[in-house]
Protein backbone atom coordinates (compact mmCIF):
# COMPACT_ATOMS: atom_id res chain seq x y z
CA UNK A 1 -0.16 -0.11 -0.17
CA UNK A 2 1.09 3.49 -0.61
CA UNK A 3 2.35 5.78 2.12
CA UNK A 4 -0.48 8.82 2.43
CA UNK A 5 1.23 10.42 5.35
CA UNK A 6 4.73 10.62 6.33
CA UNK A 7 6.00 12.46 9.40
CA UNK A 8 9.77 12.43 9.79
CA UNK A 9 11.13 13.93 13.04
CA UNK A 10 8.52 16.59 13.37
CA UNK A 11 9.17 18.97 16.40
CA UNK A 12 6.62 21.89 17.95
CA UNK A 13 6.90 24.05 20.71
CA UNK A 14 4.23 26.49 22.42
CA UNK A 15 5.85 29.10 24.80
CA UNK A 16 8.97 26.68 25.54
CA UNK A 17 6.55 23.18 26.23
CA UNK A 18 7.15 20.79 23.80
CA UNK A 19 3.94 19.44 21.93
CA UNK A 20 5.84 17.34 19.24
CA UNK A 21 9.09 15.80 20.12
CA UNK A 22 10.96 14.10 16.95
CA UNK A 23 7.42 12.71 16.11
CA UNK A 24 7.80 10.00 13.21
CA UNK A 25 4.96 8.18 11.66
CA UNK A 26 3.85 6.36 8.48
CA UNK A 27 0.25 5.78 7.39
CA UNK A 28 -0.94 3.98 4.44
CA UNK A 29 -3.82 4.35 1.91
CA UNK A 30 -6.57 2.58 3.17
CA UNK A 31 -5.63 2.10 6.93
CA UNK A 32 -7.92 3.14 10.16
CA UNK A 33 -5.28 4.70 12.38
CA UNK A 34 -6.23 5.79 16.00
CA UNK A 35 -4.34 8.44 17.74
CA UNK A 36 -4.71 8.01 21.55
CA UNK A 37 -3.28 9.59 24.44
CA UNK A 38 -3.76 11.91 27.15
CA UNK A 39 -4.52 15.65 26.75
CA UNK A 40 -1.40 17.49 25.94
CA UNK A 41 0.19 14.35 24.13
CA UNK A 42 0.31 16.05 20.97
CA UNK A 43 -2.39 14.79 18.91
CA UNK A 44 -4.15 17.59 17.97
CA UNK A 45 -0.68 19.39 17.09
CA UNK A 46 -0.09 16.64 14.50
CA UNK A 47 -3.51 17.07 13.15
CA UNK A 48 -3.11 20.55 12.69
CA UNK A 49 0.56 20.15 10.81
CA UNK A 50 -0.75 17.91 8.70
CA UNK A 51 -3.70 19.93 7.62
CA UNK A 52 -1.82 23.19 7.45
CA UNK A 53 -3.31 25.34 10.26
CA UNK A 54 -0.08 25.21 11.93
CA UNK A 55 3.48 24.38 10.82
CA UNK A 56 6.44 22.52 12.52
CA UNK A 57 9.22 24.13 13.98
CA UNK A 58 11.48 21.29 12.41
CA UNK A 59 11.27 18.19 10.47
CA UNK A 60 9.49 16.82 7.35
CA UNK A 61 6.23 16.10 6.28
CA UNK A 62 5.37 14.09 3.15
CA UNK A 63 1.87 13.72 1.92
CA UNK A 64 1.33 11.31 -0.91
CA UNK A 65 4.77 10.74 -1.35
CA UNK A 66 5.79 14.58 -1.75
CA UNK A 67 6.34 17.49 0.21
CA UNK A 68 2.86 18.77 1.87
CA UNK A 69 1.59 21.56 -0.14
CA UNK A 70 -1.83 23.34 -0.42
CA UNK A 71 -2.30 21.46 -3.67
CA UNK A 72 -2.05 18.10 -1.77
CA UNK A 73 -4.16 19.39 1.38
CA UNK A 74 -6.97 19.76 -0.89
CA UNK A 75 -7.61 15.78 -0.80
CA UNK A 76 -7.71 16.23 3.10
CA UNK A 77 -10.98 16.14 5.08
CA UNK A 78 -10.92 17.53 8.62
CA UNK A 79 -13.63 17.13 11.32
CA UNK A 80 -12.13 19.29 13.96
CA UNK A 81 -13.16 18.74 17.71
CA UNK A 82 -14.86 22.24 17.76
CA UNK A 83 -18.00 22.06 15.33
CA UNK A 84 -17.06 24.40 12.39
CA UNK A 85 -20.28 25.03 10.72
CA UNK A 86 -22.11 28.24 10.79
CA UNK A 87 -25.10 28.50 13.08
CA UNK A 88 -27.18 31.34 10.60
CA UNK A 89 -26.61 28.91 7.45
CA UNK A 90 -29.10 25.70 7.42
CA UNK A 91 -27.61 22.42 7.20
CA UNK A 92 -27.57 22.33 3.28
CA UNK A 93 -26.25 25.88 2.85
CA UNK A 94 -23.07 24.88 5.15
CA UNK A 95 -22.51 21.71 3.06
CA UNK A 96 -22.73 24.17 -0.18
CA UNK A 97 -20.47 26.39 1.37
CA UNK A 98 -17.87 23.87 2.48
CA UNK A 99 -18.18 22.35 -0.85
CA UNK A 100 -17.11 25.43 -2.64
CA UNK A 101 -13.73 25.82 -0.81
CA UNK A 102 -12.73 22.57 -2.10
CA UNK A 103 -13.78 23.55 -5.84
CA UNK A 104 -16.78 21.59 -5.74
CA UNK A 105 -19.20 22.91 -8.41
CA UNK A 106 -23.15 23.59 -7.23
CA UNK A 107 -24.56 20.64 -9.42
CA UNK A 108 -22.38 18.37 -7.85
CA UNK A 109 -22.21 19.64 -4.33
CA UNK A 110 -25.87 19.90 -3.95
CA UNK A 111 -26.17 16.06 -4.87
CA UNK A 112 -23.53 15.10 -2.40
CA UNK A 113 -24.95 17.29 0.23
CA UNK A 114 -28.30 15.64 -0.04
CA UNK A 115 -26.63 12.38 -0.05
CA UNK A 116 -24.65 13.05 3.14
CA UNK A 117 -27.54 14.46 5.09
CA UNK A 118 -29.44 11.11 3.99
CA UNK A 119 -26.43 8.88 5.36
CA UNK A 120 -26.00 10.71 8.43
CA UNK A 121 -29.54 11.03 9.50
CA UNK A 122 -30.32 14.81 8.59
CA UNK A 123 -32.29 14.81 5.89
CA UNK A 124 -35.07 16.32 7.79
CA UNK A 125 -32.97 19.09 8.70
CA UNK A 126 -31.78 20.00 5.54
CA UNK A 127 -33.76 23.66 5.52
CA UNK A 128 -33.05 23.93 8.93
CA UNK A 129 -30.07 26.74 10.69
CA UNK A 130 -27.63 24.60 12.23
CA UNK A 131 -28.20 26.86 15.34
CA UNK A 132 -31.23 25.01 15.77
CA UNK A 133 -29.99 21.88 15.93
CA UNK A 134 -29.09 19.57 18.83
CA UNK A 135 -25.08 19.23 19.96
CA UNK A 136 -25.15 15.33 18.28
CA UNK A 137 -26.88 16.83 15.05
CA UNK A 138 -24.06 19.51 14.99
CA UNK A 139 -21.40 17.02 15.07
CA UNK A 140 -22.83 14.81 12.45
CA UNK A 141 -23.21 18.04 10.22
CA UNK A 142 -19.70 18.95 11.12
CA UNK A 143 -18.48 15.52 9.71
CA UNK A 144 -20.60 15.94 6.62
CA UNK A 145 -19.01 19.07 5.81
CA UNK A 146 -15.57 17.40 5.69
CA UNK A 147 -16.53 14.91 3.52
CA UNK A 148 -17.98 17.44 0.80
CA UNK A 149 -15.05 17.01 -1.52
CA UNK A 150 -14.73 13.08 -1.02
CA UNK A 151 -11.03 13.55 0.69
CA UNK A 152 -8.31 10.78 0.09
CA UNK A 153 -7.45 11.68 3.99
CA UNK A 154 -9.95 11.72 6.40
CA UNK A 155 -9.02 13.34 9.40
CA UNK A 156 -11.49 13.28 12.72
CA UNK A 157 -10.60 15.10 15.98
CA UNK A 158 -12.48 13.52 18.76
CA UNK A 159 -15.74 13.14 16.01
CA UNK A 160 -17.92 11.02 18.75
CA UNK A 161 -17.97 13.59 21.58
CA UNK A 162 -21.52 14.24 23.26
CA UNK A 163 -23.35 11.44 20.99
CA UNK A 164 -25.24 8.61 22.43
CA UNK A 165 -24.04 5.00 21.70
CA UNK A 166 -26.84 4.56 18.69
CA UNK A 167 -25.55 7.79 16.81
CA UNK A 168 -21.77 7.09 17.29
CA UNK A 169 -22.70 3.54 16.00
CA UNK A 170 -24.20 5.46 13.05
CA UNK A 171 -22.13 7.92 12.48
CA UNK A 172 -19.22 5.07 12.30
CA UNK A 173 -20.87 3.21 10.11
CA UNK A 174 -21.36 6.07 7.44
CA UNK A 175 -17.57 6.89 7.58
CA UNK A 176 -16.68 3.51 7.19
CA UNK A 177 -18.96 3.24 3.90
CA UNK A 178 -17.55 6.39 2.67
CA UNK A 179 -13.80 5.45 3.40
CA UNK A 180 -14.20 2.39 1.51
CA UNK A 181 -16.16 4.20 -1.38
CA UNK A 182 -13.56 6.43 -1.96
CA UNK A 183 -10.45 4.22 -0.86
CA UNK A 184 -9.90 6.94 1.91
CA UNK A 185 -7.42 6.61 4.83
CA UNK A 186 -8.76 7.41 7.98
CA UNK A 187 -6.90 9.28 11.01
CA UNK A 188 -8.91 9.71 14.30
CA UNK A 189 -8.62 10.93 17.84
CA UNK A 190 -10.89 9.92 20.15
CA UNK A 191 -11.37 8.93 24.52
CA UNK A 192 -13.68 5.91 23.86
CA UNK A 193 -11.00 3.07 23.86
CA UNK A 194 -13.78 0.74 22.89
CA UNK A 195 -14.13 2.66 19.80
CA UNK A 196 -10.93 2.60 18.86
CA UNK A 197 -10.41 -1.16 19.57
CA UNK A 198 -13.15 -1.90 17.46
CA UNK A 199 -12.77 0.47 14.47
CA UNK A 200 -8.83 0.65 14.03
CA UNK A 201 -6.71 -1.47 12.16
CA UNK A 202 -3.79 0.21 13.86
CA UNK A 203 -3.59 2.21 17.18
CA UNK A 204 -0.63 4.51 17.85
CA UNK A 205 -0.11 5.74 21.51
CA UNK A 206 1.16 8.98 22.01
CA UNK A 207 2.66 10.89 25.43
CA UNK A 208 4.41 13.87 25.80
CA UNK A 209 5.06 14.47 22.09
CA UNK A 210 6.22 11.13 21.30
CA UNK A 211 5.28 7.62 19.93
CA UNK A 212 5.46 5.00 22.80
CA UNK A 213 3.99 2.10 21.07
CA UNK A 214 2.51 1.43 17.75
CA UNK A 215 0.43 -1.70 16.10
CA UNK A 216 -2.78 -3.54 16.29
CA UNK A 217 -4.75 -3.53 19.30
CA UNK A 218 -4.26 -6.96 19.70
CA UNK A 219 -0.60 -6.52 19.15
CA UNK A 220 -0.54 -3.47 21.83
CA UNK A 221 -2.14 -5.43 24.76
CA UNK A 222 -0.07 -7.87 24.62
CA UNK A 223 2.46 -5.40 26.23
CA UNK A 224 0.06 -5.09 29.33
CA UNK A 225 0.56 -9.24 29.87
CA UNK A 226 -1.26 -12.32 30.03
CA UNK A 227 -5.21 -12.83 29.68
CA UNK A 228 -6.80 -14.77 32.73
CA UNK A 229 -9.32 -16.99 33.43
CA UNK A 230 -10.98 -17.15 37.06
CA UNK A 231 -12.80 -20.67 37.24
CA UNK A 232 -14.60 -21.32 40.67
CA UNK A 233 -16.31 -24.96 40.63
CA UNK A 234 -17.70 -27.32 43.09
CA UNK A 235 -16.52 -29.07 45.04
CA UNK A 236 -13.29 -27.47 44.18
CA UNK A 237 -10.54 -30.35 44.36
CA UNK A 238 -8.39 -28.18 42.01
CA UNK A 239 -5.11 -29.91 43.29
CA UNK A 240 -6.28 -33.04 41.45
CA UNK A 241 -6.57 -31.82 38.41
CA UNK A 242 -4.74 -28.52 38.05
CA UNK A 243 -1.77 -30.19 36.30
CA UNK A 244 -3.28 -31.54 33.64
CA UNK A 245 -4.62 -27.62 32.75
CA UNK A 246 -1.00 -26.99 33.15
CA UNK A 247 -0.34 -29.49 30.03
CA UNK A 248 -2.59 -27.55 27.51
CA UNK A 249 -0.40 -26.14 25.23
CA UNK A 250 -0.27 -22.49 25.71
CA UNK A 251 -1.26 -22.35 29.20
CA UNK A 252 1.42 -20.55 31.12
CA UNK A 253 0.66 -20.57 34.63
CA UNK A 254 -2.08 -22.21 37.12
CA UNK A 255 -2.67 -20.93 40.29
CA UNK A 256 -5.02 -22.34 43.00
CA UNK A 257 -6.29 -19.55 45.67
CA UNK A 258 -8.93 -19.75 48.07
CA UNK A 259 -11.66 -18.25 45.45
CA UNK A 260 -10.72 -20.37 42.51
CA UNK A 261 -8.28 -21.43 40.00
CA UNK A 262 -6.36 -18.78 37.83
CA UNK A 263 -5.03 -19.66 34.45
CA UNK A 264 -2.74 -17.49 32.42
CA UNK A 265 -2.11 -17.65 28.75
CA UNK A 266 -1.17 -15.20 26.05
CA UNK A 267 -4.74 -16.27 24.25
CA UNK A 268 -6.91 -17.81 26.72
CA UNK A 269 -10.20 -17.92 24.88
CA UNK A 270 -9.76 -20.99 22.23
CA UNK A 271 -8.33 -22.87 25.55
CA UNK A 272 -11.94 -22.80 27.31
CA UNK A 273 -13.03 -25.90 25.79
CA UNK A 274 -10.61 -28.07 26.98
CA UNK A 275 -10.38 -26.53 30.26
CA UNK A 276 -14.08 -27.14 30.78
CA UNK A 277 -13.76 -30.87 29.79
CA UNK A 278 -10.92 -31.17 32.35
CA UNK A 279 -13.55 -30.10 34.94
CA UNK A 280 -16.11 -32.05 33.75
CA UNK A 281 -14.09 -35.33 33.49
CA UNK A 282 -13.31 -34.59 37.28
CA UNK A 283 -16.80 -34.03 38.47
CA UNK A 284 -16.19 -30.58 39.01
CA UNK A 285 -19.47 -28.05 38.43
CA UNK A 286 -18.34 -24.69 37.07
CA UNK A 287 -20.13 -21.75 38.97
CA UNK A 288 -18.19 -18.94 37.68
CA UNK A 289 -15.84 -18.44 35.12
CA UNK A 290 -14.61 -15.01 34.20
CA UNK A 291 -12.08 -13.98 31.39
CA UNK A 292 -10.04 -10.81 31.88
CA UNK A 293 -7.94 -9.40 29.09
CA UNK A 294 -5.47 -6.39 29.35
CA UNK A 295 -6.87 -3.30 28.00
CA UNK A 296 -5.45 -0.40 25.76
CA UNK A 297 -5.33 1.46 29.28
CA UNK A 298 -3.25 -1.12 31.08
CA UNK A 299 -0.76 -1.08 28.20
CA UNK A 300 -0.41 2.83 28.22
CA UNK A 301 -0.38 2.54 32.26
CA UNK A 302 2.53 -0.16 31.62
CA UNK A 303 4.55 2.01 29.10
CA UNK A 304 4.20 5.28 30.63
CA UNK A 305 3.26 5.15 34.32
CA UNK A 306 0.17 7.19 33.39
CA UNK A 307 -3.32 6.73 32.09
CA UNK A 308 -4.76 8.01 28.92
CA UNK A 309 -7.22 10.18 30.41
CA UNK A 310 -4.18 12.08 32.43
CA UNK A 311 -1.41 14.14 31.77
CA UNK A 312 -0.15 17.47 31.65
CA UNK A 313 -1.58 20.03 28.72
CA UNK A 314 1.25 20.89 26.43
CA UNK A 315 -1.11 22.13 23.71
CA UNK A 316 -2.90 25.29 23.70
CA UNK A 317 -6.14 25.61 24.57
CA UNK A 318 -8.82 24.86 21.95
């Protein structure tokens, strides 16, 4: 796959505080990448540099294999944290206006606007001023404005903040559909860890302007340790068969506690049927089975000593 964004050693400072510190990353065509990190990690700063609203102090930024220019940035659509829509314009007028900024002709823009309003559940608000919309509807309109010119890179900065779960799912289904249609690349920041895990093919964890980890959600979570199955059974004569569970390929530890048996493995789920058969063979009735997996929060805490939702704000207030 072609590289559509390549940052090499980007550095950015605000009043002496470092927002990006020798930051490097490659983003390939068609990827859905999540940038995760606490406030002040440098996520928005990087997005601003890619979109051209800020300049790096040093380093190099390539878009589509060439130095970033105003021309190459026309292939980028940005839905910022703060809604960029105009309150006195209707939803339809907002979309026409943003389309015109990218040179989309009126006829094509009108068709695209109605298409996006329908996909994002705003068709009945077509001629309603955006000031009259609910917060969630304005978020959807904000996204639609970023998609008017069918961008090849879609940047979404906290796109689903303030939306209920149903609205979030609807928005993401639409975004993924549009990205697939246009063979576009998605770059997003989010504080919803479950959202990032479900949507992103790759996640970049950031802290203090640096990349601290980069990989698939599954690969990253291995940094935090093993998966654990906690099993409680009756009568609970674990000493009789614990060694047999230990012999299952991939099981790394079996510990007997006063609250049951704790079984550790890199990937515990596929081994549950084998474990259950051993319990059954020894006339043990399983009354409780819990599986705990490392989360992205756990990974970040292990790598940095801080939580994803914490941190010192190095970036300017938005």
